[in-house]
Amino acid sequence: MAVYVANYRQGSVLAPLGQLVRSRAALLALASAAAFGVVDVGKRVSMQALDITPEGFVLTMLVLVAALLSPSAVTHRDAVDWRADRRLLALAGLVLVIGQHLVAVAFETLPASVVSPVVNTQAVVAVFLGSLLLGESHVRIRMAAAGLAVFGVVLISLG
């Protein structure tokens, strides 16, 4: 419902659904959401079945991601001015580690069906920051859609 409201402009009430089916970006976003759902359940299962601590999970994940992305990083190493951006990159890395640790602790203590929707309310933050910092259009409609998404998260968490 939130995605529908975010994409409705004027005209036919079915137009946003047609846009969704024809938009490569929207289809990739849906595929990404499905992948995140599988990963979120996988986090919970791997932490329980393998008895991995949140710290161990985050360390393993970061090492695996670094290993998988290193060929691309080496190929595109000139895309970033490492020396000039080192503080910003270190800050981004620190925020990533803290965020991943908090998510891992949440998955350790709560059901994935509760944690995953709550964690993914980050989309609301993205909508707000996108309109505030990037000047993205249709702010009111997108914020209304974000509100619907949060309402849905609350329903899932309570249910």
N, C-alpha and C. Protein backbone atom coordinates (compact mmCIF):
# COMPACT_ATOMS: atom_id res chain seq x y z
N MET A 1 0.82 -1.18 0.00
CA MET A 1 0.00 0.00 0.00
C MET A 1 0.87 1.26 0.00
N ALA A 2 1.94 1.23 0.80
CA ALA A 2 2.81 2.40 0.88
C ALA A 2 3.48 2.68 -0.46
N VAL A 3 3.93 1.62 -1.15
CA VAL A 3 4.55 1.80 -2.46
C VAL A 3 3.54 2.37 -3.45
N TYR A 4 2.29 1.89 -3.38
CA TYR A 4 1.23 2.40 -4.24
C TYR A 4 1.01 3.89 -4.01
N VAL A 5 0.87 4.29 -2.76
CA VAL A 5 0.62 5.71 -2.44
C VAL A 5 1.80 6.57 -2.88
N ALA A 6 3.02 6.07 -2.69
CA ALA A 6 4.21 6.85 -3.06
C ALA A 6 4.28 7.09 -4.57
N ASN A 7 3.69 6.21 -5.36
CA ASN A 7 3.78 6.34 -6.81
C ASN A 7 2.53 6.87 -7.48
N TYR A 8 1.49 7.13 -6.72
CA TYR A 8 0.25 7.64 -7.32
C TYR A 8 0.40 9.13 -7.59
N ARG A 9 0.04 9.58 -8.79
CA ARG A 9 0.07 11.00 -9.14
C ARG A 9 -1.35 11.49 -9.42
N GLN A 10 -1.87 11.15 -10.56
CA GLN A 10 -3.23 11.48 -10.94
C GLN A 10 -3.67 10.48 -11.99
N GLY A 11 -4.96 10.45 -12.23
CA GLY A 11 -5.47 9.57 -13.27
C GLY A 11 -5.98 8.26 -12.71
N SER A 12 -5.77 7.22 -13.47
CA SER A 12 -6.28 5.90 -13.13
C SER A 12 -5.70 5.39 -11.81
N VAL A 13 -6.55 4.75 -11.04
CA VAL A 13 -6.09 4.18 -9.77
C VAL A 13 -5.17 2.97 -10.00
N LEU A 14 -5.18 2.42 -11.22
CA LEU A 14 -4.31 1.28 -11.53
C LEU A 14 -2.97 1.71 -12.13
N ALA A 15 -2.82 3.00 -12.43
CA ALA A 15 -1.59 3.49 -13.07
C ALA A 15 -0.33 3.15 -12.28
N PRO A 16 -0.29 3.32 -10.96
CA PRO A 16 0.94 2.98 -10.23
C PRO A 16 1.33 1.51 -10.35
N LEU A 17 0.34 0.63 -10.42
CA LEU A 17 0.64 -0.79 -10.58
C LEU A 17 1.25 -1.06 -11.96
N GLY A 18 0.74 -0.38 -12.97
CA GLY A 18 1.31 -0.51 -14.31
C GLY A 18 2.73 0.00 -14.37
N GLN A 19 2.98 1.13 -13.68
CA GLN A 19 4.33 1.67 -13.62
C GLN A 19 5.27 0.69 -12.94
N LEU A 20 4.79 0.06 -11.90
CA LEU A 20 5.61 -0.89 -11.16
C LEU A 20 6.05 -2.05 -12.04
N VAL A 21 5.14 -2.58 -12.83
CA VAL A 21 5.44 -3.73 -13.69
C VAL A 21 6.38 -3.34 -14.83
N ARG A 22 6.28 -2.11 -15.33
CA ARG A 22 7.10 -1.66 -16.46
C ARG A 22 8.44 -1.07 -16.04
N SER A 23 8.62 -0.73 -14.80
CA SER A 23 9.83 -0.06 -14.36
C SER A 23 10.90 -1.07 -13.94
N ARG A 24 12.01 -1.03 -14.63
CA ARG A 24 13.12 -1.93 -14.28
C ARG A 24 13.62 -1.62 -12.87
N ALA A 25 13.71 -0.34 -12.54
CA ALA A 25 14.19 0.05 -11.20
C ALA A 25 13.25 -0.48 -10.12
N ALA A 26 11.95 -0.39 -10.35
CA ALA A 26 10.99 -0.89 -9.35
C ALA A 26 11.09 -2.41 -9.21
N LEU A 27 11.24 -3.11 -10.31
CA LEU A 27 11.37 -4.56 -10.24
C LEU A 27 12.66 -4.97 -9.53
N LEU A 28 13.74 -4.24 -9.79
CA LEU A 28 14.99 -4.52 -9.08
C LEU A 28 14.85 -4.23 -7.59
N ALA A 29 14.12 -3.17 -7.25
CA ALA A 29 13.88 -2.86 -5.85
C ALA A 29 13.07 -3.96 -5.17
N LEU A 30 12.07 -4.49 -5.86
CA LEU A 30 11.29 -5.60 -5.30
C LEU A 30 12.15 -6.85 -5.12
N ALA A 31 13.01 -7.13 -6.11
CA ALA A 31 13.92 -8.27 -5.99
C ALA A 31 14.88 -8.07 -4.82
N SER A 32 15.34 -6.84 -4.66
CA SER A 32 16.22 -6.52 -3.54
C SER A 32 15.51 -6.72 -2.21
N ALA A 33 14.26 -6.30 -2.13
CA ALA A 33 13.48 -6.48 -0.90
C ALA A 33 13.31 -7.97 -0.59
N ALA A 34 13.07 -8.76 -1.61
CA ALA A 34 12.93 -10.21 -1.40
C ALA A 34 14.26 -10.80 -0.91
N ALA A 35 15.36 -10.35 -1.51
CA ALA A 35 16.68 -10.84 -1.09
C ALA A 35 16.96 -10.45 0.36
N PHE A 36 16.61 -9.22 0.74
CA PHE A 36 16.81 -8.79 2.12
C PHE A 36 15.98 -9.63 3.08
N GLY A 37 14.78 -9.99 2.68
CA GLY A 37 13.95 -10.85 3.53
C GLY A 37 14.61 -12.20 3.77
N VAL A 38 15.16 -12.79 2.71
CA VAL A 38 15.85 -14.08 2.83
C VAL A 38 17.09 -13.93 3.71
N VAL A 39 17.84 -12.85 3.50
CA VAL A 39 19.04 -12.61 4.30
C VAL A 39 18.68 -12.41 5.77
N ASP A 40 17.61 -11.66 6.04
CA ASP A 40 17.21 -11.42 7.42
C ASP A 40 16.85 -12.72 8.14
N VAL A 41 16.11 -13.59 7.48
CA VAL A 41 15.78 -14.89 8.08
C VAL A 41 17.07 -15.72 8.22
N GLY A 42 17.93 -15.64 7.22
CA GLY A 42 19.22 -16.35 7.29
C GLY A 42 20.07 -15.90 8.46
N LYS A 43 20.03 -14.61 8.79
CA LYS A 43 20.77 -14.11 9.95
C LYS A 43 20.30 -14.81 11.21
N ARG A 44 19.01 -14.83 11.38
CA ARG A 44 18.43 -15.44 12.59
C ARG A 44 18.75 -16.93 12.64
N VAL A 45 18.57 -17.62 11.53
CA VAL A 45 18.82 -19.06 11.48
C VAL A 45 20.29 -19.36 11.75
N SER A 46 21.19 -18.61 11.10
CA SER A 46 22.62 -18.90 11.27
C SER A 46 23.08 -18.60 12.69
N MET A 47 22.53 -17.55 13.30
CA MET A 47 22.92 -17.24 14.67
C MET A 47 22.40 -18.29 15.65
N GLN A 48 21.21 -18.83 15.38
CA GLN A 48 20.66 -19.85 16.26
C GLN A 48 21.27 -21.22 15.99
N ALA A 49 21.24 -21.65 14.75
CA ALA A 49 21.67 -23.01 14.40
C ALA A 49 23.18 -23.20 14.61
N LEU A 50 23.95 -22.17 14.29
CA LEU A 50 25.41 -22.28 14.41
C LEU A 50 25.92 -21.71 15.72
N ASP A 51 25.00 -21.19 16.53
CA ASP A 51 25.35 -20.61 17.83
C ASP A 51 26.44 -19.55 17.70
N ILE A 52 26.23 -18.64 16.76
CA ILE A 52 27.17 -17.55 16.52
C ILE A 52 26.73 -16.33 17.33
N THR A 53 27.67 -15.68 17.98
CA THR A 53 27.35 -14.47 18.73
C THR A 53 27.14 -13.32 17.75
N PRO A 54 26.47 -12.24 18.17
CA PRO A 54 26.32 -11.09 17.28
C PRO A 54 27.67 -10.54 16.80
N GLU A 55 28.64 -10.51 17.68
CA GLU A 55 29.97 -10.01 17.31
C GLU A 55 30.61 -10.90 16.25
N GLY A 56 30.50 -12.22 16.46
CA GLY A 56 31.05 -13.16 15.49
C GLY A 56 30.34 -13.08 14.15
N PHE A 57 29.03 -12.88 14.20
CA PHE A 57 28.26 -12.76 12.96
C PHE A 57 28.69 -11.53 12.17
N VAL A 58 28.81 -10.38 12.87
CA VAL A 58 29.20 -9.13 12.19
C VAL A 58 30.60 -9.26 11.61
N LEU A 59 31.53 -9.82 12.37
CA LEU A 59 32.89 -10.00 11.88
C LEU A 59 32.91 -10.90 10.65
N THR A 60 32.20 -12.02 10.72
CA THR A 60 32.14 -12.94 9.59
C THR A 60 31.53 -12.25 8.36
N MET A 61 30.44 -11.52 8.58
CA MET A 61 29.78 -10.84 7.47
C MET A 61 30.71 -9.80 6.83
N LEU A 62 31.38 -9.01 7.66
CA LEU A 62 32.25 -7.97 7.11
C LEU A 62 33.43 -8.56 6.36
N VAL A 63 34.00 -9.65 6.86
CA VAL A 63 35.11 -10.31 6.17
C VAL A 63 34.64 -10.88 4.83
N LEU A 64 33.47 -11.53 4.84
CA LEU A 64 32.94 -12.10 3.59
C LEU A 64 32.62 -11.02 2.56
N VAL A 65 32.01 -9.92 3.01
CA VAL A 65 31.69 -8.83 2.09
C VAL A 65 32.97 -8.23 1.52
N ALA A 66 33.97 -8.00 2.37
CA ALA A 66 35.24 -7.46 1.89
C ALA A 66 35.89 -8.40 0.88
N ALA A 67 35.86 -9.69 1.15
CA ALA A 67 36.46 -10.66 0.24
C ALA A 67 35.73 -10.69 -1.10
N LEU A 68 34.39 -10.63 -1.04
CA LEU A 68 33.61 -10.69 -2.28
C LEU A 68 33.73 -9.41 -3.11
N LEU A 69 33.87 -8.27 -2.44
CA LEU A 69 33.92 -7.00 -3.16
C LEU A 69 35.34 -6.54 -3.51
N SER A 70 36.36 -7.20 -2.96
CA SER A 70 37.73 -6.74 -3.21
C SER A 70 38.13 -6.76 -4.68
N PRO A 71 37.72 -7.73 -5.50
CA PRO A 71 38.09 -7.63 -6.93
C PRO A 71 37.53 -6.36 -7.59
N SER A 72 36.30 -6.01 -7.26
CA SER A 72 35.72 -4.79 -7.81
C SER A 72 36.42 -3.55 -7.25
N ALA A 73 36.76 -3.58 -5.98
CA ALA A 73 37.44 -2.44 -5.36
C ALA A 73 38.81 -2.20 -5.99
N VAL A 74 39.53 -3.28 -6.27
CA VAL A 74 40.84 -3.15 -6.89
C VAL A 74 40.70 -2.60 -8.30
N THR A 75 39.71 -3.08 -9.02
CA THR A 75 39.47 -2.61 -10.39
C THR A 75 39.11 -1.12 -10.42
N HIS A 76 38.37 -0.65 -9.43
CA HIS A 76 37.89 0.74 -9.40
C HIS A 76 38.58 1.57 -8.33
N ARG A 77 39.81 1.25 -7.99
CA ARG A 77 40.48 1.93 -6.88
C ARG A 77 40.70 3.42 -7.10
N ASP A 78 40.71 3.86 -8.34
CA ASP A 78 40.89 5.29 -8.63
C ASP A 78 39.60 6.09 -8.54
N ALA A 79 38.48 5.43 -8.29
CA ALA A 79 37.18 6.11 -8.21
C ALA A 79 37.04 6.93 -6.93
N VAL A 80 37.87 6.64 -5.93
CA VAL A 80 37.79 7.33 -4.64
C VAL A 80 39.17 7.88 -4.31
N ASP A 81 39.19 9.11 -3.81
CA ASP A 81 40.44 9.69 -3.32
C ASP A 81 40.60 9.24 -1.87
N TRP A 82 41.26 8.09 -1.69
CA TRP A 82 41.35 7.43 -0.38
C TRP A 82 41.96 8.33 0.68
N ARG A 83 43.01 9.05 0.31
CA ARG A 83 43.69 9.90 1.30
C ARG A 83 42.81 11.07 1.73
N ALA A 84 42.19 11.73 0.78
CA ALA A 84 41.37 12.90 1.12
C ALA A 84 40.10 12.49 1.86
N ASP A 85 39.59 11.32 1.55
CA ASP A 85 38.31 10.88 2.13
C ASP A 85 38.48 9.90 3.28
N ARG A 86 39.69 9.70 3.78
CA ARG A 86 39.93 8.65 4.77
C ARG A 86 39.11 8.83 6.05
N ARG A 87 38.94 10.06 6.52
CA ARG A 87 38.15 10.28 7.73
C ARG A 87 36.68 9.96 7.49
N LEU A 88 36.17 10.41 6.36
CA LEU A 88 34.77 10.13 6.03
C LEU A 88 34.55 8.63 5.83
N LEU A 89 35.48 7.98 5.18
CA LEU A 89 35.38 6.53 4.98
C LEU A 89 35.47 5.79 6.31
N ALA A 90 36.34 6.23 7.21
CA ALA A 90 36.44 5.60 8.53
C ALA A 90 35.15 5.80 9.32
N LEU A 91 34.58 6.99 9.25
CA LEU A 91 33.32 7.26 9.94
C LEU A 91 32.20 6.38 9.38
N ALA A 92 32.14 6.27 8.06
CA ALA A 92 31.12 5.42 7.43
C ALA A 92 31.30 3.96 7.86
N GLY A 93 32.54 3.49 7.92
CA GLY A 93 32.81 2.14 8.37
C GLY A 93 32.40 1.91 9.81
N LEU A 94 32.66 2.90 10.66
CA LEU A 94 32.27 2.80 12.07
C LEU A 94 30.75 2.74 12.22
N VAL A 95 30.06 3.59 11.49
CA VAL A 95 28.59 3.58 11.53
C VAL A 95 28.06 2.24 11.04
N LEU A 96 28.67 1.70 9.99
CA LEU A 96 28.25 0.40 9.46
C LEU A 96 28.43 -0.70 10.50
N VAL A 97 29.58 -0.74 11.15
CA VAL A 97 29.85 -1.79 12.14
C VAL A 97 28.88 -1.67 13.31
N ILE A 98 28.67 -0.47 13.81
CA ILE A 98 27.74 -0.28 14.93
C ILE A 98 26.32 -0.69 14.52
N GLY A 99 25.90 -0.24 13.35
CA GLY A 99 24.56 -0.59 12.87
C GLY A 99 24.38 -2.09 12.70
N GLN A 100 25.36 -2.75 12.11
CA GLN A 100 25.27 -4.19 11.91
C GLN A 100 25.27 -4.94 13.24
N HIS A 101 26.04 -4.45 14.19
CA HIS A 101 26.05 -5.08 15.52
C HIS A 101 24.68 -4.96 16.17
N LEU A 102 24.09 -3.78 16.12
CA LEU A 102 22.77 -3.58 16.72
C LEU A 102 21.72 -4.47 16.05
N VAL A 103 21.80 -4.60 14.75
CA VAL A 103 20.87 -5.48 14.02
C VAL A 103 21.08 -6.93 14.43
N ALA A 104 22.34 -7.35 14.55
CA ALA A 104 22.62 -8.73 14.93
C ALA A 104 22.10 -9.02 16.34
N VAL A 105 22.27 -8.08 17.26
CA VAL A 105 21.75 -8.26 18.63
C VAL A 105 20.23 -8.36 18.59
N ALA A 106 19.59 -7.52 17.76
CA ALA A 106 18.13 -7.59 17.64
C ALA A 106 17.69 -8.95 17.12
N PHE A 107 18.38 -9.47 16.11
CA PHE A 107 18.03 -10.78 15.56
C PHE A 107 18.29 -11.90 16.55
N GLU A 108 19.23 -11.71 17.44
CA GLU A 108 19.52 -12.72 18.45
C GLU A 108 18.40 -12.80 19.49
N THR A 109 17.78 -11.66 19.78
CA THR A 109 16.82 -11.62 20.89
C THR A 109 15.36 -11.65 20.47
N LEU A 110 15.05 -11.29 19.25
CA LEU A 110 13.65 -11.21 18.80
C LEU A 110 13.43 -12.05 17.55
N PRO A 111 12.19 -12.42 17.27
CA PRO A 111 11.90 -13.16 16.04
C PRO A 111 12.22 -12.32 14.79
N ALA A 112 12.68 -12.98 13.74
CA ALA A 112 13.01 -12.30 12.48
C ALA A 112 11.79 -11.59 11.91
N SER A 113 10.60 -12.13 12.14
CA SER A 113 9.39 -11.51 11.61
C SER A 113 9.08 -10.18 12.28
N VAL A 114 9.68 -9.93 13.43
CA VAL A 114 9.52 -8.64 14.10
C VAL A 114 10.69 -7.72 13.76
N VAL A 115 11.90 -8.25 13.83
CA VAL A 115 13.09 -7.42 13.62
C VAL A 115 13.19 -6.91 12.19
N SER A 116 12.97 -7.77 11.21
CA SER A 116 13.14 -7.38 9.82
C SER A 116 12.29 -6.18 9.41
N PRO A 117 10.99 -6.17 9.70
CA PRO A 117 10.21 -4.99 9.33
C PRO A 117 10.65 -3.72 10.07
N VAL A 118 11.02 -3.88 11.33
CA VAL A 118 11.45 -2.71 12.09
C VAL A 118 12.75 -2.16 11.52
N VAL A 119 13.70 -3.04 11.24
CA VAL A 119 14.98 -2.62 10.67
C VAL A 119 14.75 -1.94 9.32
N ASN A 120 13.84 -2.45 8.56
CA ASN A 120 13.61 -1.91 7.22
C ASN A 120 12.76 -0.64 7.19
N THR A 121 12.40 -0.13 8.36
CA THR A 121 11.78 1.20 8.38
C THR A 121 12.82 2.27 8.04
N GLN A 122 14.06 1.84 7.82
CA GLN A 122 15.08 2.78 7.35
C GLN A 122 14.64 3.46 6.06
N ALA A 123 13.72 2.86 5.34
CA ALA A 123 13.18 3.50 4.13
C ALA A 123 12.52 4.82 4.46
N VAL A 124 11.91 4.92 5.63
CA VAL A 124 11.29 6.18 6.06
C VAL A 124 12.36 7.25 6.22
N VAL A 125 13.47 6.88 6.81
CA VAL A 125 14.59 7.82 6.97
C VAL A 125 15.10 8.24 5.60
N ALA A 126 15.20 7.29 4.68
CA ALA A 126 15.67 7.60 3.33
C ALA A 126 14.72 8.56 2.61
N VAL A 127 13.42 8.38 2.78
CA VAL A 127 12.44 9.29 2.17
C VAL A 127 12.61 10.70 2.73
N PHE A 128 12.72 10.78 4.04
CA PHE A 128 12.87 12.08 4.69
C PHE A 128 14.17 12.77 4.27
N LEU A 129 15.28 12.06 4.35
CA LEU A 129 16.57 12.65 3.97
C LEU A 129 16.64 12.96 2.48
N GLY A 130 16.03 12.10 1.66
CA GLY A 130 16.01 12.36 0.22
C GLY A 130 15.30 13.65 -0.12
N SER A 131 14.19 13.90 0.56
CA SER A 131 13.47 15.15 0.30
C SER A 131 14.19 16.34 0.91
N LEU A 132 14.77 16.16 2.08
CA LEU A 132 15.44 17.26 2.76
C LEU A 132 16.78 17.63 2.12
N LEU A 133 17.62 16.64 1.88
CA LEU A 133 18.97 16.90 1.40
C LEU A 133 19.12 16.89 -0.11
N LEU A 134 18.29 16.10 -0.78
CA LEU A 134 18.44 15.95 -2.23
C LEU A 134 17.36 16.66 -3.03
N GLY A 135 16.39 17.25 -2.33
CA GLY A 135 15.33 17.99 -3.00
C GLY A 135 14.42 17.13 -3.86
N GLU A 136 14.22 15.88 -3.46
CA GLU A 136 13.35 15.00 -4.24
C GLU A 136 11.91 15.49 -4.19
N SER A 137 11.19 15.23 -5.25
CA SER A 137 9.83 15.77 -5.40
C SER A 137 8.79 14.91 -4.68
N HIS A 138 7.57 15.45 -4.65
CA HIS A 138 6.40 14.76 -4.09
C HIS A 138 6.61 14.36 -2.62
N VAL A 139 7.12 15.29 -1.85
CA VAL A 139 7.48 15.01 -0.45
C VAL A 139 6.27 14.58 0.36
N ARG A 140 5.17 15.28 0.24
CA ARG A 140 3.99 14.96 1.05
C ARG A 140 3.46 13.56 0.76
N ILE A 141 3.40 13.22 -0.52
CA ILE A 141 2.90 11.89 -0.88
C ILE A 141 3.85 10.82 -0.35
N ARG A 142 5.13 11.05 -0.50
CA ARG A 142 6.11 10.05 -0.05
C ARG A 142 6.12 9.93 1.48
N MET A 143 5.94 11.02 2.18
CA MET A 143 5.88 10.96 3.64
C MET A 143 4.60 10.25 4.09
N ALA A 144 3.50 10.47 3.37
CA ALA A 144 2.26 9.74 3.69
C ALA A 144 2.47 8.24 3.47
N ALA A 145 3.14 7.89 2.39
CA ALA A 145 3.44 6.47 2.12
C ALA A 145 4.36 5.91 3.21
N ALA A 146 5.33 6.70 3.63
CA ALA A 146 6.23 6.26 4.71
C ALA A 146 5.44 6.04 5.99
N GLY A 147 4.48 6.91 6.27
CA GLY A 147 3.63 6.73 7.44
C GLY A 147 2.84 5.43 7.36
N LEU A 148 2.33 5.11 6.17
CA LEU A 148 1.62 3.84 5.99
C LEU A 148 2.56 2.65 6.22
N ALA A 149 3.78 2.78 5.75
CA ALA A 149 4.76 1.70 5.94
C ALA A 149 5.04 1.49 7.42
N VAL A 150 5.20 2.58 8.16
CA VAL A 150 5.44 2.46 9.61
C VAL A 150 4.23 1.83 10.28
N PHE A 151 3.03 2.22 9.87
CA PHE A 151 1.81 1.62 10.42
C PHE A 151 1.80 0.11 10.17
N GLY A 152 2.19 -0.29 8.98
CA GLY A 152 2.28 -1.71 8.65
C GLY A 152 3.29 -2.44 9.52
N VAL A 153 4.42 -1.79 9.77
CA VAL A 153 5.44 -2.38 10.64
C VAL A 153 4.91 -2.57 12.05
N VAL A 154 4.16 -1.57 12.53
CA VAL A 154 3.57 -1.68 13.86
C VAL A 154 2.61 -2.86 13.91
N LEU A 155 1.78 -3.01 12.87
CA LEU A 155 0.84 -4.12 12.84
C LEU A 155 1.56 -5.47 12.83
N ILE A 156 2.62 -5.57 12.06
CA ILE A 156 3.39 -6.82 11.99
C ILE A 156 4.03 -7.11 13.34
N SER A 157 4.59 -6.08 13.96
CA SER A 157 5.28 -6.27 15.24
C SER A 157 4.33 -6.65 16.36
N LEU A 158 3.11 -6.12 16.32
CA LEU A 158 2.15 -6.44 17.36
C LEU A 158 1.48 -7.79 17.15
N GLY A 159 1.39 -8.19 15.87
CA GLY A 159 0.65 -9.40 15.53
C GLY A 159 1.41 -10.62 15.81
